[in-house]
Amino acid sequence: MIAGTLIVRRAAGPLPGYLMRRGTVVLAGGCDELSPTFLDCGVHDLVALRLMAAFVQGHSAPAASALRAPLRRLAGDMAVLGKGEIFCSDE
């Protein structure tokens, strides 16, 4: 992934975001396995995600609800440029 935003509503396979340079991946359904080259930044309730949820609401209510919950932020992939991020549920 070079840039952009991807919202995955179901469970993702292993290593989502592998070698991503920039961009955002939201894993609403979690994933099988995360790459060890992503750094855990803790749980956040970001205003930017709530604004994105308001924009997405008309297209997909489930995707919008996934963006409204506090999400764990993982920065990376540090094996490449490291400016990307993955947001996933803390459950």
Protein backbone atom coordinates (compact mmCIF):
# COMPACT_ATOMS: atom_id res chain seq x y z
CA MET A 1 0.00 0.00 0.00
CA ILE A 2 1.43 3.36 -0.98
CA ALA A 3 -1.32 5.67 0.34
CA GLY A 4 -5.06 5.92 1.01
CA THR A 5 -7.54 4.55 3.51
CA LEU A 6 -8.92 1.02 3.56
CA ILE A 7 -11.70 -0.11 5.90
CA VAL A 8 -11.95 -3.89 6.28
CA ARG A 9 -15.26 -4.82 7.92
CA ARG A 10 -14.59 -8.55 8.24
CA ALA A 11 -11.58 -10.40 9.63
CA ALA A 12 -8.41 -9.84 7.60
CA GLY A 13 -5.92 -12.55 6.78
CA PRO A 14 -2.39 -12.69 8.16
CA LEU A 15 -0.04 -9.67 7.99
CA PRO A 16 -2.35 -6.87 6.82
CA GLY A 17 -0.41 -3.78 5.79
CA TYR A 18 2.76 -5.75 5.08
CA LEU A 19 5.32 -3.39 3.47
CA MET A 20 2.89 -0.44 3.45
CA ARG A 21 4.62 2.91 3.10
CA ARG A 22 1.82 5.32 3.98
CA GLY A 23 -1.92 5.17 4.42
CA THR A 24 -4.44 3.88 6.91
CA VAL A 25 -5.99 0.44 7.31
CA VAL A 26 -8.96 0.05 9.69
CA LEU A 27 -9.54 -3.57 10.74
CA ALA A 28 -13.09 -3.64 12.08
CA GLY A 29 -13.09 -7.44 12.34
CA GLY A 30 -9.53 -7.94 13.54
CA CYS A 31 -6.95 -10.10 11.77
CA ASP A 32 -5.22 -13.46 11.97
CA GLU A 33 -1.74 -12.11 12.66
CA LEU A 34 -0.02 -8.70 12.66
CA SER A 35 3.50 -8.14 11.42
CA PRO A 36 6.06 -7.58 14.21
CA THR A 37 7.29 -4.49 12.33
CA PHE A 38 4.27 -2.44 13.48
CA LEU A 39 4.61 -0.46 16.72
CA ASP A 40 1.75 -0.33 19.22
CA CYS A 41 0.81 3.29 19.98
CA GLY A 42 -2.04 2.53 22.38
CA VAL A 43 -5.80 3.03 22.23
CA HIS A 44 -7.07 6.32 20.81
CA ASP A 45 -10.40 8.06 20.27
CA LEU A 46 -9.40 10.40 17.44
CA VAL A 47 -11.53 13.27 16.13
CA ALA A 48 -10.32 12.55 12.58
CA LEU A 49 -11.85 9.05 12.74
CA ARG A 50 -15.18 10.44 13.96
CA LEU A 51 -15.18 12.93 11.05
CA MET A 52 -14.43 10.07 8.66
CA ALA A 53 -17.31 8.09 10.23
CA ALA A 54 -19.71 10.96 9.52
CA PHE A 55 -18.57 11.01 5.88
CA VAL A 56 -18.85 7.22 5.45
CA GLN A 57 -22.23 6.92 7.25
CA GLY A 58 -24.29 7.41 4.07
CA HIS A 59 -22.37 4.68 2.25
CA SER A 60 -21.89 2.05 4.96
CA ALA A 61 -23.36 2.25 8.46
CA PRO A 62 -21.28 -0.75 9.74
CA ALA A 63 -18.05 0.87 8.53
CA ALA A 64 -19.05 4.16 10.18
CA SER A 65 -19.78 2.44 13.50
CA ALA A 66 -16.34 0.77 13.39
CA LEU A 67 -14.71 4.22 13.09
CA ARG A 68 -16.60 5.67 16.07
CA ALA A 69 -15.22 3.24 18.68
CA PRO A 70 -11.86 3.83 20.37
CA LEU A 71 -9.28 1.90 18.32
CA ARG A 72 -5.74 0.65 18.93
CA ARG A 73 -3.25 2.42 16.65
CA LEU A 74 -0.28 0.54 15.23
CA ALA A 75 2.36 2.58 13.37
CA GLY A 76 4.41 1.07 10.57
CA ASP A 77 5.45 -0.86 8.60
CA MET A 78 8.82 0.09 10.17
CA ALA A 79 10.60 -2.29 7.77
CA VAL A 80 9.87 0.25 5.02
CA LEU A 81 9.02 3.94 5.41
CA GLY A 82 6.95 3.57 8.61
CA LYS A 83 4.42 6.34 7.92
CA GLY A 84 1.41 4.02 7.65
CA GLU A 85 -1.00 3.06 10.39
CA ILE A 86 -3.39 0.27 11.26
CA PHE A 87 -6.36 0.81 13.54
CA CYS A 88 -7.96 -2.25 15.11
CA SER A 89 -10.41 -3.05 17.84
CA ASP A 90 -8.89 -3.56 21.28
CA GLU A 91 -11.15 -6.53 21.99
